[in-house]
Structures are given as C-alpha cells and as structure tokens.
Amino acid sequence: MIRVVFTHPNRPDRIVEAADGISLMEAAKGANVEGIDADCGGCMVCGTCHVYVGKPWFDLLEAPSEMEAQILDCVPSPHPRARLSCQIKLTARLDGMSVELPDHQR
C-alpha cells in the first residue's frame, strides 16, 4: 500500500492508503477526500482534481503532458508544483507523498 498525506490548512492532515498503480485522484475519491471533485472522472479536462505536490515528490514525477499543462494554465490558483491528481500514478517510490489542496477546492 502507498501512503499519501493530503494537507488542508484549516483541518487535520488526512492520510490515505492506496494500491500501487492507481491514480492519486482514484485514491482520494475512494477515501472521500474533500476537495478532490474530479468532475470529469479523470479524463483530464476539468482541473477539479489538481493538487500541489510537496517536495521532494514533485521532482520524482514525470513532466506533465502538453494537455495537462494546458489544463493547469487555466486553474484558478496556479502554483509551480501544481499537478492533476488524475495523472499521478501511485508507485512505491511515492510512498509518503504529501499534497496540498488549493484554497478554492476546499
């Protein structure tokens, strides 16, 4: 199991355990993490699942695709470590990863 810490500034951190190989979005939705709406169901067209990935995990991710970068350019709260959680596949090397939810998604 892969552990991910979801950070909310005004709430306790939420630790979610998920199977290797699923997306971060799927893990969040399966655990009912508030703020991950994923309106498009992971089709990479809405941006309602974006998160800010903590260091050093951000550096372990592959670069976003052109389409993901375009979606991230349109989100209300841009951030240098923003990623769509539907595009992050959980693997053992991401165990312990921390992500923060943007203010507008809380």
PDB file of N, CA and C in Angstrom:
ATOM      1  N   MET A   1       0.841  -1.185   0.000  1.00  0.00           N
ATOM      2  CA  MET A   1       0.000   0.000   0.000  1.00  0.00           C
ATOM      3  C   MET A   1       0.886   1.249   0.000  1.00  0.00           C
ATOM      4  N   ILE A   2       0.395   2.253  -0.703  1.00  0.00           N
ATOM      5  CA  ILE A   2       1.079   3.538  -0.803  1.00  0.00           C
ATOM      6  C   ILE A   2       0.356   4.516   0.102  1.00  0.00           C
ATOM      7  N   ARG A   3       1.108   5.239   0.919  1.00  0.00           N
ATOM      8  CA  ARG A   3       0.503   6.240   1.805  1.00  0.00           C
ATOM      9  C   ARG A   3       0.706   7.628   1.216  1.00  0.00           C
ATOM     10  N   VAL A   4      -0.367   8.423   1.233  1.00  0.00           N
ATOM     11  CA  VAL A   4      -0.332   9.805   0.761  1.00  0.00           C
ATOM     12  C   VAL A   4      -0.946  10.684   1.844  1.00  0.00           C
ATOM     13  N   VAL A   5      -0.312  11.816   2.104  1.00  0.00           N
ATOM     14  CA  VAL A   5      -0.813  12.764   3.090  1.00  0.00           C
ATOM     15  C   VAL A   5      -1.434  13.942   2.344  1.00  0.00           C
ATOM     16  N   PHE A   6      -2.721  14.169   2.565  1.00  0.00           N
ATOM     17  CA  PHE A   6      -3.439  15.304   1.992  1.00  0.00           C
ATOM     18  C   PHE A   6      -3.489  16.387   3.058  1.00  0.00           C
ATOM     19  N   THR A   7      -2.981  17.568   2.712  1.00  0.00           N
ATOM     20  CA  THR A   7      -2.894  18.669   3.666  1.00  0.00           C
ATOM     21  C   THR A   7      -3.971  19.704   3.381  1.00  0.00           C
ATOM     22  N   HIS A   8      -4.639  20.097   4.454  1.00  0.00           N
ATOM     23  CA  HIS A   8      -5.642  21.165   4.430  1.00  0.00           C
ATOM     24  C   HIS A   8      -5.217  22.166   5.498  1.00  0.00           C
ATOM     25  N   PRO A   9      -5.090  23.449   5.174  1.00  0.00           N
ATOM     26  CA  PRO A   9      -4.613  24.413   6.164  1.00  0.00           C
ATOM     27  C   PRO A   9      -5.464  24.502   7.430  1.00  0.00           C
ATOM     28  N   ASN A  10      -6.765  24.353   7.316  1.00  0.00           N
ATOM     29  CA  ASN A  10      -7.631  24.533   8.480  1.00  0.00           C
ATOM     30  C   ASN A  10      -8.213  23.235   9.010  1.00  0.00           C
ATOM     31  N   ARG A  11      -7.666  22.121   8.580  1.00  0.00           N
ATOM     32  CA  ARG A  11      -8.150  20.814   9.036  1.00  0.00           C
ATOM     33  C   ARG A  11      -6.962  19.907   9.316  1.00  0.00           C
ATOM     34  N   PRO A  12      -7.184  18.853  10.049  1.00  0.00           N
ATOM     35  CA  PRO A  12      -6.091  17.899  10.258  1.00  0.00           C
ATOM     36  C   PRO A  12      -5.684  17.251   8.926  1.00  0.00           C
ATOM     37  N   ASP A  13      -4.428  16.885   8.841  1.00  0.00           N
ATOM     38  CA  ASP A  13      -3.966  16.164   7.655  1.00  0.00           C
ATOM     39  C   ASP A  13      -4.746  14.866   7.523  1.00  0.00           C
ATOM     40  N   ARG A  14      -4.875  14.421   6.302  1.00  0.00           N
ATOM     41  CA  ARG A  14      -5.602  13.188   6.004  1.00  0.00           C
ATOM     42  C   ARG A  14      -4.619  12.209   5.375  1.00  0.00           C
ATOM     43  N   ILE A  15      -4.414  11.065   5.976  1.00  0.00           N
ATOM     44  CA  ILE A  15      -3.528  10.036   5.432  1.00  0.00           C
ATOM     45  C   ILE A  15      -4.389   8.990   4.752  1.00  0.00           C
ATOM     46  N   VAL A  16      -4.074   8.730   3.486  1.00  0.00           N
ATOM     47  CA  VAL A  16      -4.823   7.773   2.684  1.00  0.00           C
ATOM     48  C   VAL A  16      -3.876   6.674   2.246  1.00  0.00           C
ATOM     49  N   GLU A  17      -4.319   5.436   2.359  1.00  0.00           N
ATOM     50  CA  GLU A  17      -3.559   4.298   1.846  1.00  0.00           C
ATOM     51  C   GLU A  17      -4.236   3.802   0.584  1.00  0.00           C
ATOM     52  N   ALA A  18      -3.418   3.535  -0.439  1.00  0.00           N
ATOM     53  CA  ALA A  18      -3.974   3.135  -1.736  1.00  0.00           C
ATOM     54  C   ALA A  18      -3.096   2.074  -2.375  1.00  0.00           C
ATOM     55  N   ALA A  19      -3.688   1.345  -3.293  1.00  0.00           N
ATOM     56  CA  ALA A  19      -2.972   0.290  -4.007  1.00  0.00           C
ATOM     57  C   ALA A  19      -1.996   0.889  -5.011  1.00  0.00           C
ATOM     58  N   ASP A  20      -0.900   0.221  -5.193  1.00  0.00           N
ATOM     59  CA  ASP A  20       0.085   0.587  -6.206  1.00  0.00           C
ATOM     60  C   ASP A  20      -0.566   0.550  -7.584  1.00  0.00           C
ATOM     61  N   GLY A  21      -0.319   1.587  -8.396  1.00  0.00           N
ATOM     62  CA  GLY A  21      -0.793   1.591  -9.773  1.00  0.00           C
ATOM     63  C   GLY A  21      -2.057   2.382 -10.030  1.00  0.00           C
ATOM     64  N   ILE A  22      -2.792   2.766  -8.981  1.00  0.00           N
ATOM     65  CA  ILE A  22      -3.980   3.590  -9.232  1.00  0.00           C
ATOM     66  C   ILE A  22      -3.563   5.058  -9.225  1.00  0.00           C
ATOM     67  N   SER A  23      -4.433   5.911  -9.703  1.00  0.00           N
ATOM     68  CA  SER A  23      -4.095   7.331  -9.721  1.00  0.00           C
ATOM     69  C   SER A  23      -4.328   7.947  -8.343  1.00  0.00           C
ATOM     70  N   LEU A  24      -3.650   9.037  -8.107  1.00  0.00           N
ATOM     71  CA  LEU A  24      -3.843   9.779  -6.869  1.00  0.00           C
ATOM     72  C   LEU A  24      -5.297  10.224  -6.740  1.00  0.00           C
ATOM     73  N   MET A  25      -5.907  10.606  -7.855  1.00  0.00           N
ATOM     74  CA  MET A  25      -7.317  11.003  -7.852  1.00  0.00           C
ATOM     75  C   MET A  25      -8.205   9.843  -7.406  1.00  0.00           C
ATOM     76  N   GLU A  26      -7.959   8.648  -7.944  1.00  0.00           N
ATOM     77  CA  GLU A  26      -8.757   7.483  -7.557  1.00  0.00           C
ATOM     78  C   GLU A  26      -8.612   7.194  -6.070  1.00  0.00           C
ATOM     79  N   ALA A  27      -7.397   7.331  -5.552  1.00  0.00           N
ATOM     80  CA  ALA A  27      -7.175   7.112  -4.126  1.00  0.00           C
ATOM     81  C   ALA A  27      -7.946   8.131  -3.301  1.00  0.00           C
ATOM     82  N   ALA A  28      -7.906   9.396  -3.725  1.00  0.00           N
ATOM     83  CA  ALA A  28      -8.612  10.452  -2.994  1.00  0.00           C
ATOM     84  C   ALA A  28     -10.119  10.250  -3.044  1.00  0.00           C
ATOM     85  N   LYS A  29     -10.642   9.938  -4.213  1.00  0.00           N
ATOM     86  CA  LYS A  29     -12.082   9.718  -4.350  1.00  0.00           C
ATOM     87  C   LYS A  29     -12.525   8.499  -3.534  1.00  0.00           C
ATOM     88  N   GLY A  30     -11.734   7.446  -3.562  1.00  0.00           N
ATOM     89  CA  GLY A  30     -12.066   6.243  -2.804  1.00  0.00           C
ATOM     90  C   GLY A  30     -12.096   6.471  -1.306  1.00  0.00           C
ATOM     91  N   ALA A  31     -11.313   7.459  -0.849  1.00  0.00           N
ATOM     92  CA  ALA A  31     -11.257   7.774   0.578  1.00  0.00           C
ATOM     93  C   ALA A  31     -12.099   8.997   0.922  1.00  0.00           C
ATOM     94  N   ASN A  32     -12.869   9.496  -0.047  1.00  0.00           N
ATOM     95  CA  ASN A  32     -13.729  10.666   0.171  1.00  0.00           C
ATOM     96  C   ASN A  32     -12.962  11.887   0.684  1.00  0.00           C
ATOM     97  N   VAL A  33     -11.802  12.150   0.070  1.00  0.00           N
ATOM     98  CA  VAL A  33     -11.024  13.332   0.442  1.00  0.00           C
ATOM     99  C   VAL A  33     -11.763  14.561  -0.065  1.00  0.00           C
ATOM    100  N   GLU A  34     -12.145  15.427   0.855  1.00  0.00           N
ATOM    101  CA  GLU A  34     -12.858  16.645   0.499  1.00  0.00           C
ATOM    102  C   GLU A  34     -11.938  17.563  -0.301  1.00  0.00           C
ATOM    103  N   GLY A  35     -12.464  18.073  -1.421  1.00  0.00           N
ATOM    104  CA  GLY A  35     -11.699  18.986  -2.250  1.00  0.00           C
ATOM    105  C   GLY A  35     -11.197  18.374  -3.543  1.00  0.00           C
ATOM    106  N   ILE A  36     -11.294  17.075  -3.681  1.00  0.00           N
ATOM    107  CA  ILE A  36     -10.954  16.410  -4.941  1.00  0.00           C
ATOM    108  C   ILE A  36     -12.289  16.049  -5.598  1.00  0.00           C
ATOM    109  N   ASP A  37     -12.798  16.961  -6.412  1.00  0.00           N
ATOM    110  CA  ASP A  37     -14.101  16.745  -7.045  1.00  0.00           C
ATOM    111  C   ASP A  37     -14.005  15.828  -8.251  1.00  0.00           C
ATOM    112  N   ALA A  38     -12.978  16.012  -9.066  1.00  0.00           N
ATOM    113  CA  ALA A  38     -12.768  15.172 -10.247  1.00  0.00           C
ATOM    114  C   ALA A  38     -14.039  15.073 -11.086  1.00  0.00           C
ATOM    115  N   ASP A  39     -14.572  16.222 -11.442  1.00  0.00           N
ATOM    116  CA  ASP A  39     -15.826  16.277 -12.192  1.00  0.00           C
ATOM    117  C   ASP A  39     -15.787  15.485 -13.498  1.00  0.00           C
ATOM    118  N   CYS A  40     -14.632  15.410 -14.139  1.00  0.00           N
ATOM    119  CA  CYS A  40     -14.544  14.704 -15.425  1.00  0.00           C
ATOM    120  C   CYS A  40     -14.197  13.226 -15.250  1.00  0.00           C
ATOM    121  N   GLY A  41     -14.036  12.773 -14.020  1.00  0.00           N
ATOM    122  CA  GLY A  41     -13.754  11.370 -13.768  1.00  0.00           C
ATOM    123  C   GLY A  41     -12.359  10.932 -14.167  1.00  0.00           C
ATOM    124  N   GLY A  42     -11.449  11.864 -14.318  1.00  0.00           N
ATOM    125  CA  GLY A  42     -10.078  11.516 -14.657  1.00  0.00           C
ATOM    126  C   GLY A  42      -9.751  11.611 -16.133  1.00  0.00           C
ATOM    127  N   CYS A  43     -10.608  12.269 -16.898  1.00  0.00           N
ATOM    128  CA  CYS A  43     -10.384  12.418 -18.349  1.00  0.00           C
ATOM    129  C   CYS A  43      -9.483  13.598 -18.691  1.00  0.00           C
ATOM    130  N   MET A  44      -9.005  14.302 -17.671  1.00  0.00           N
ATOM    131  CA  MET A  44      -8.066  15.408 -17.840  1.00  0.00           C
ATOM    132  C   MET A  44      -8.657  16.570 -18.632  1.00  0.00           C
ATOM    133  N   VAL A  45      -9.886  16.948 -18.292  1.00  0.00           N
ATOM    134  CA  VAL A  45     -10.493  18.090 -18.975  1.00  0.00           C
ATOM    135  C   VAL A  45     -11.058  19.150 -18.034  1.00  0.00           C
ATOM    136  N   CYS A  46     -11.016  18.934 -16.713  1.00  0.00           N
ATOM    137  CA  CYS A  46     -11.691  19.899 -15.845  1.00  0.00           C
ATOM    138  C   CYS A  46     -10.769  20.617 -14.856  1.00  0.00           C
ATOM    139  N   GLY A  47      -9.745  19.977 -14.365  1.00  0.00           N
ATOM    140  CA  GLY A  47      -8.853  20.608 -13.399  1.00  0.00           C
ATOM    141  C   GLY A  47      -9.350  20.584 -11.967  1.00  0.00           C
ATOM    142  N   THR A  48     -10.494  19.945 -11.701  1.00  0.00           N
ATOM    143  CA  THR A  48     -11.043  19.942 -10.335  1.00  0.00           C
ATOM    144  C   THR A  48     -10.403  18.898  -9.430  1.00  0.00           C
ATOM    145  N   CYS A  49      -9.354  18.282  -9.901  1.00  0.00           N
ATOM    146  CA  CYS A  49      -8.622  17.326  -9.067  1.00  0.00           C
ATOM    147  C   CYS A  49      -7.190  17.791  -8.851  1.00  0.00           C
ATOM    148  N   HIS A  50      -6.890  19.052  -9.187  1.00  0.00           N
ATOM    149  CA  HIS A  50      -5.485  19.435  -9.096  1.00  0.00           C
ATOM    150  C   HIS A  50      -5.050  19.642  -7.657  1.00  0.00           C
ATOM    151  N   VAL A  51      -3.774  19.378  -7.449  1.00  0.00           N
ATOM    152  CA  VAL A  51      -3.152  19.452  -6.132  1.00  0.00           C
ATOM    153  C   VAL A  51      -1.778  20.103  -6.284  1.00  0.00           C
ATOM    154  N   TYR A  52      -1.215  20.497  -5.162  1.00  0.00           N
ATOM    155  CA  TYR A  52       0.159  20.982  -5.124  1.00  0.00           C
ATOM    156  C   TYR A  52       0.998  19.876  -4.495  1.00  0.00           C
ATOM    157  N   VAL A  53       1.906  19.321  -5.262  1.00  0.00           N
ATOM    158  CA  VAL A  53       2.714  18.193  -4.811  1.00  0.00           C
ATOM    159  C   VAL A  53       3.906  18.707  -4.013  1.00  0.00           C
ATOM    160  N   GLY A  54       4.107  18.127  -2.830  1.00  0.00           N
ATOM    161  CA  GLY A  54       5.212  18.532  -1.981  1.00  0.00           C
ATOM    162  C   GLY A  54       6.559  18.083  -2.529  1.00  0.00           C
ATOM    163  N   LYS A  55       7.586  18.780  -2.093  1.00  0.00           N
ATOM    164  CA  LYS A  55       8.940  18.365  -2.419  1.00  0.00           C
ATOM    165  C   LYS A  55       9.299  17.284  -1.424  1.00  0.00           C
ATOM    166  N   PRO A  56      10.055  16.305  -1.715  1.00  0.00           N
ATOM    167  CA  PRO A  56      10.783  16.038  -2.951  1.00  0.00           C
ATOM    168  C   PRO A  56       9.988  15.233  -3.979  1.00  0.00           C
ATOM    169  N   TRP A  57       8.741  14.913  -3.663  1.00  0.00           N
ATOM    170  CA  TRP A  57       7.959  14.041  -4.545  1.00  0.00           C
ATOM    171  C   TRP A  57       7.692  14.669  -5.901  1.00  0.00           C
ATOM    172  N   PHE A  58       7.540  15.984  -5.942  1.00  0.00           N
ATOM    173  CA  PHE A  58       7.292  16.650  -7.216  1.00  0.00           C
ATOM    174  C   PHE A  58       8.406  16.323  -8.213  1.00  0.00           C
ATOM    175  N   ASP A  59       9.626  16.295  -7.728  1.00  0.00           N
ATOM    176  CA  ASP A  59      10.776  16.016  -8.597  1.00  0.00           C
ATOM    177  C   ASP A  59      10.830  14.561  -9.066  1.00  0.00           C
ATOM    178  N   LEU A  60      10.091  13.676  -8.425  1.00  0.00           N
ATOM    179  CA  LEU A  60      10.058  12.264  -8.823  1.00  0.00           C
ATOM    180  C   LEU A  60       9.045  11.992  -9.932  1.00  0.00           C
ATOM    181  N   LEU A  61       8.160  12.949 -10.183  1.00  0.00           N
ATOM    182  CA  LEU A  61       7.112  12.758 -11.191  1.00  0.00           C
ATOM    183  C   LEU A  61       7.636  13.061 -12.582  1.00  0.00           C
ATOM    184  N   GLU A  62       7.081  12.371 -13.565  1.00  0.00           N
ATOM    185  CA  GLU A  62       7.380  12.710 -14.953  1.00  0.00           C
ATOM    186  C   GLU A  62       6.779  14.078 -15.242  1.00  0.00           C
ATOM    187  N   ALA A  63       7.325  14.771 -16.213  1.00  0.00           N
ATOM    188  CA  ALA A  63       6.797  16.084 -16.591  1.00  0.00           C
ATOM    189  C   ALA A  63       5.352  15.929 -17.063  1.00  0.00           C
ATOM    190  N   PRO A  64       4.531  16.942 -16.834  1.00  0.00           N
ATOM    191  CA  PRO A  64       3.149  16.849 -17.303  1.00  0.00           C
ATOM    192  C   PRO A  64       3.085  16.841 -18.832  1.00  0.00           C
ATOM    193  N   SER A  65       2.081  16.165 -19.348  1.00  0.00           N
ATOM    194  CA  SER A  65       1.864  16.171 -20.794  1.00  0.00           C
ATOM    195  C   SER A  65       1.452  17.580 -21.222  1.00  0.00           C
ATOM    196  N   GLU A  66       1.448  17.814 -22.514  1.00  0.00           N
ATOM    197  CA  GLU A  66       1.038  19.120 -23.021  1.00  0.00           C
ATOM    198  C   GLU A  66      -0.407  19.426 -22.625  1.00  0.00           C
ATOM    199  N   MET A  67      -1.267  18.421 -22.707  1.00  0.00           N
ATOM    200  CA  MET A  67      -2.671  18.632 -22.350  1.00  0.00           C
ATOM    201  C   MET A  67      -2.822  18.971 -20.864  1.00  0.00           C
ATOM    202  N   GLU A  68      -2.105  18.233 -20.010  1.00  0.00           N
ATOM    203  CA  GLU A  68      -2.175  18.528 -18.574  1.00  0.00           C
ATOM    204  C   GLU A  68      -1.673  19.947 -18.305  1.00  0.00           C
ATOM    205  N   ALA A  69      -0.586  20.341 -18.945  1.00  0.00           N
ATOM    206  CA  ALA A  69      -0.039  21.692 -18.764  1.00  0.00           C
ATOM    207  C   ALA A  69      -1.061  22.749 -19.182  1.00  0.00           C
ATOM    208  N   GLN A  70      -1.794  22.482 -20.240  1.00  0.00           N
ATOM    209  CA  GLN A  70      -2.820  23.432 -20.687  1.00  0.00           C
ATOM    210  C   GLN A  70      -3.943  23.562 -19.658  1.00  0.00           C
ATOM    211  N   ILE A  71      -4.354  22.439 -19.088  1.00  0.00           N
ATOM    212  CA  ILE A  71      -5.400  22.478 -18.053  1.00  0.00           C
ATOM    213  C   ILE A  71      -4.891  23.243 -16.840  1.00  0.00           C
ATOM    214  N   LEU A  72      -3.648  22.988 -16.439  1.00  0.00           N
ATOM    215  CA  LEU A  72      -3.086  23.657 -15.265  1.00  0.00           C
ATOM    216  C   LEU A  72      -2.927  25.160 -15.484  1.00  0.00           C
ATOM    217  N   ASP A  73      -2.760  25.572 -16.727  1.00  0.00           N
ATOM    218  CA  ASP A  73      -2.680  27.006 -17.034  1.00  0.00           C
ATOM    219  C   ASP A  73      -4.009  27.720 -16.784  1.00  0.00           C
ATOM    220  N   CYS A  74      -5.092  26.961 -16.703  1.00  0.00           N
ATOM    221  CA  CYS A  74      -6.435  27.550 -16.569  1.00  0.00           C
ATOM    222  C   CYS A  74      -7.023  27.433 -15.171  1.00  0.00           C
ATOM    223  N   VAL A  75      -6.321  26.812 -14.238  1.00  0.00           N
ATOM    224  CA  VAL A  75      -6.884  26.647 -12.896  1.00  0.00           C
ATOM    225  C   VAL A  75      -6.865  27.982 -12.153  1.00  0.00           C
ATOM    226  N   PRO A  76      -7.810  28.182 -11.234  1.00  0.00           N
ATOM    227  CA  PRO A  76      -7.912  29.463 -10.523  1.00  0.00           C
ATOM    228  C   PRO A  76      -6.720  29.789  -9.614  1.00  0.00           C
ATOM    229  N   SER A  77      -6.012  28.784  -9.145  1.00  0.00           N
ATOM    230  CA  SER A  77      -4.903  29.009  -8.211  1.00  0.00           C
ATOM    231  C   SER A  77      -3.621  28.395  -8.759  1.00  0.00           C
ATOM    232  N   PRO A  78      -2.943  29.055  -9.708  1.00  0.00           N
ATOM    233  CA  PRO A  78      -1.715  28.488 -10.258  1.00  0.00           C
ATOM    234  C   PRO A  78      -0.636  28.345  -9.186  1.00  0.00           C
ATOM    235  N   HIS A  79       0.226  27.373  -9.388  1.00  0.00           N
ATOM    236  CA  HIS A  79       1.279  27.074  -8.415  1.00  0.00           C
ATOM    237  C   HIS A  79       2.390  26.339  -9.162  1.00  0.00           C
ATOM    238  N   PRO A  80       3.645  26.570  -8.806  1.00  0.00           N
ATOM    239  CA  PRO A  80       4.740  25.921  -9.539  1.00  0.00           C
ATOM    240  C   PRO A  80       4.778  24.395  -9.399  1.00  0.00           C
ATOM    241  N   ARG A  81       4.155  23.854  -8.346  1.00  0.00           N
ATOM    242  CA  ARG A  81       4.149  22.392  -8.177  1.00  0.00           C
ATOM    243  C   ARG A  81       2.741  21.818  -8.348  1.00  0.00           C
ATOM    244  N   ALA A  82       1.903  22.495  -9.130  1.00  0.00           N
ATOM    245  CA  ALA A  82       0.539  22.008  -9.384  1.00  0.00           C
ATOM    246  C   ALA A  82       0.578  20.845 -10.361  1.00  0.00           C
ATOM    247  N   ARG A  83      -0.246  19.849 -10.076  1.00  0.00           N
ATOM    248  CA  ARG A  83      -0.430  18.708 -10.971  1.00  0.00           C
ATOM    249  C   ARG A  83      -1.866  18.248 -10.872  1.00  0.00           C
ATOM    250  N   LEU A  84      -2.338  17.587 -11.935  1.00  0.00           N
ATOM    251  CA  LEU A  84      -3.654  16.961 -11.888  1.00  0.00           C
ATOM    252  C   LEU A  84      -3.481  15.604 -11.212  1.00  0.00           C
ATOM    253  N   SER A  85      -4.241  15.373 -10.157  1.00  0.00           N
ATOM    254  CA  SER A  85      -4.081  14.110  -9.428  1.00  0.00           C
ATOM    255  C   SER A  85      -4.491  12.902 -10.264  1.00  0.00           C
ATOM    256  N   CYS A  86      -5.312  13.125 -11.295  1.00  0.00           N
ATOM    257  CA  CYS A  86      -5.705  12.007 -12.165  1.00  0.00           C
ATOM    258  C   CYS A  86      -4.537  11.530 -13.030  1.00  0.00           C
ATOM    259  N   GLN A  87      -3.480  12.329 -13.121  1.00  0.00           N
ATOM    260  CA  GLN A  87      -2.337  11.979 -13.956  1.00  0.00           C
ATOM    261  C   GLN A  87      -1.148  11.461 -13.158  1.00  0.00           C
ATOM    262  N   ILE A  88      -1.309  11.321 -11.856  1.00  0.00           N
ATOM    263  CA  ILE A  88      -0.238  10.813 -10.998  1.00  0.00           C
ATOM    264  C   ILE A  88      -0.545   9.372 -10.635  1.00  0.00           C
ATOM    265  N   LYS A  89       0.239   8.454 -11.161  1.00  0.00           N
ATOM    266  CA  LYS A  89       0.091   7.038 -10.813  1.00  0.00           C
ATOM    267  C   LYS A  89       0.906   6.757  -9.562  1.00  0.00           C
ATOM    268  N   LEU A  90       0.278   6.172  -8.577  1.00  0.00           N
ATOM    269  CA  LEU A  90       0.956   5.869  -7.325  1.00  0.00           C
ATOM    270  C   LEU A  90       1.844   4.643  -7.475  1.00  0.00           C
ATOM    271  N   THR A  91       3.078   4.804  -7.041  1.00  0.00           N
ATOM    272  CA  THR A  91       4.063   3.717  -7.053  1.00  0.00           C
ATOM    273  C   THR A  91       4.787   3.722  -5.715  1.00  0.00           C
ATOM    274  N   ALA A  92       5.535   2.677  -5.447  1.00  0.00           N
ATOM    275  CA  ALA A  92       6.249   2.559  -4.176  1.00  0.00           C
ATOM    276  C   ALA A  92       7.176   3.742  -3.930  1.00  0.00           C
ATOM    277  N   ARG A  93       7.749   4.309  -4.971  1.00  0.00           N
ATOM    278  CA  ARG A  93       8.675   5.428  -4.753  1.00  0.00           C
ATOM    279  C   ARG A  93       7.950   6.704  -4.317  1.00  0.00           C
ATOM    280  N   LEU A  94       6.624   6.733  -4.445  1.00  0.00           N
ATOM    281  CA  LEU A  94       5.848   7.884  -3.983  1.00  0.00           C
ATOM    282  C   LEU A  94       5.250   7.667  -2.596  1.00  0.00           C
ATOM    283  N   ASP A  95       5.581   6.546  -1.959  1.00  0.00           N
ATOM    284  CA  ASP A  95       5.059   6.252  -0.626  1.00  0.00           C
ATOM    285  C   ASP A  95       5.439   7.369   0.342  1.00  0.00           C
ATOM    286  N   GLY A  96       4.448   7.943   1.010  1.00  0.00           N
ATOM    287  CA  GLY A  96       4.663   9.037   1.939  1.00  0.00           C
ATOM    288  C   GLY A  96       4.491  10.412   1.320  1.00  0.00           C
ATOM    289  N   MET A  97       4.137  10.456   0.038  1.00  0.00           N
ATOM    290  CA  MET A  97       3.987  11.722  -0.663  1.00  0.00           C
ATOM    291  C   MET A  97       2.988  12.622   0.046  1.00  0.00           C
ATOM    292  N   SER A  98       3.286  13.928   0.035  1.00  0.00           N
ATOM    293  CA  SER A  98       2.352  14.901   0.591  1.00  0.00           C
ATOM    294  C   SER A  98       1.851  15.793  -0.531  1.00  0.00           C
ATOM    295  N   VAL A  99       0.565  16.106  -0.472  1.00  0.00           N
ATOM    296  CA  VAL A  99      -0.056  17.015  -1.427  1.00  0.00           C
ATOM    297  C   VAL A  99      -0.941  17.983  -0.657  1.00  0.00           C
ATOM    298  N   GLU A 100      -1.021  19.193  -1.170  1.00  0.00           N
ATOM    299  CA  GLU A 100      -1.867  20.210  -0.568  1.00  0.00           C
ATOM    300  C   GLU A 100      -2.997  20.544  -1.535  1.00  0.00           C
ATOM    301  N   LEU A 101      -4.178  20.743  -0.999  1.00  0.00           N
ATOM    302  CA  LEU A 101      -5.311  21.120  -1.818  1.00  0.00           C
ATOM    303  C   LEU A 101      -5.363  22.634  -1.984  1.00  0.00           C
ATOM    304  N   PRO A 102      -5.624  23.112  -3.208  1.00  0.00           N
ATOM    305  CA  PRO A 102      -5.743  24.555  -3.423  1.00  0.00           C
ATOM    306  C   PRO A 102      -6.906  25.132  -2.612  1.00  0.00           C
ATOM    307  N   ASP A 103      -6.777  26.391  -2.228  1.00  0.00           N
ATOM    308  CA  ASP A 103      -7.810  27.043  -1.418  1.00  0.00           C
ATOM    309  C   ASP A 103      -9.201  26.947  -2.030  1.00  0.00           C
ATOM    310  N   HIS A 104      -9.307  27.156  -3.315  1.00  0.00           N
ATOM    311  CA  HIS A 104     -10.642  27.179  -3.948  1.00  0.00           C
ATOM    312  C   HIS A 104     -11.290  25.794  -4.020  1.00  0.00           C
ATOM    313  N   GLN A 105     -10.573  24.739  -3.731  1.00  0.00           N
ATOM    314  CA  GLN A 105     -11.127  23.385  -3.775  1.00  0.00           C
ATOM    315  C   GLN A 105     -11.468  22.857  -2.374  1.00  0.00           C
ATOM    316  N   ARG A 106     -11.386  23.687  -1.393  1.00  0.00           N
ATOM    317  CA  ARG A 106     -11.639  23.196  -0.032  1.00  0.00           C
ATOM    318  C   ARG A 106     -13.046  23.426   0.393  1.00  0.00           C
TER     319      ARG A 106
END
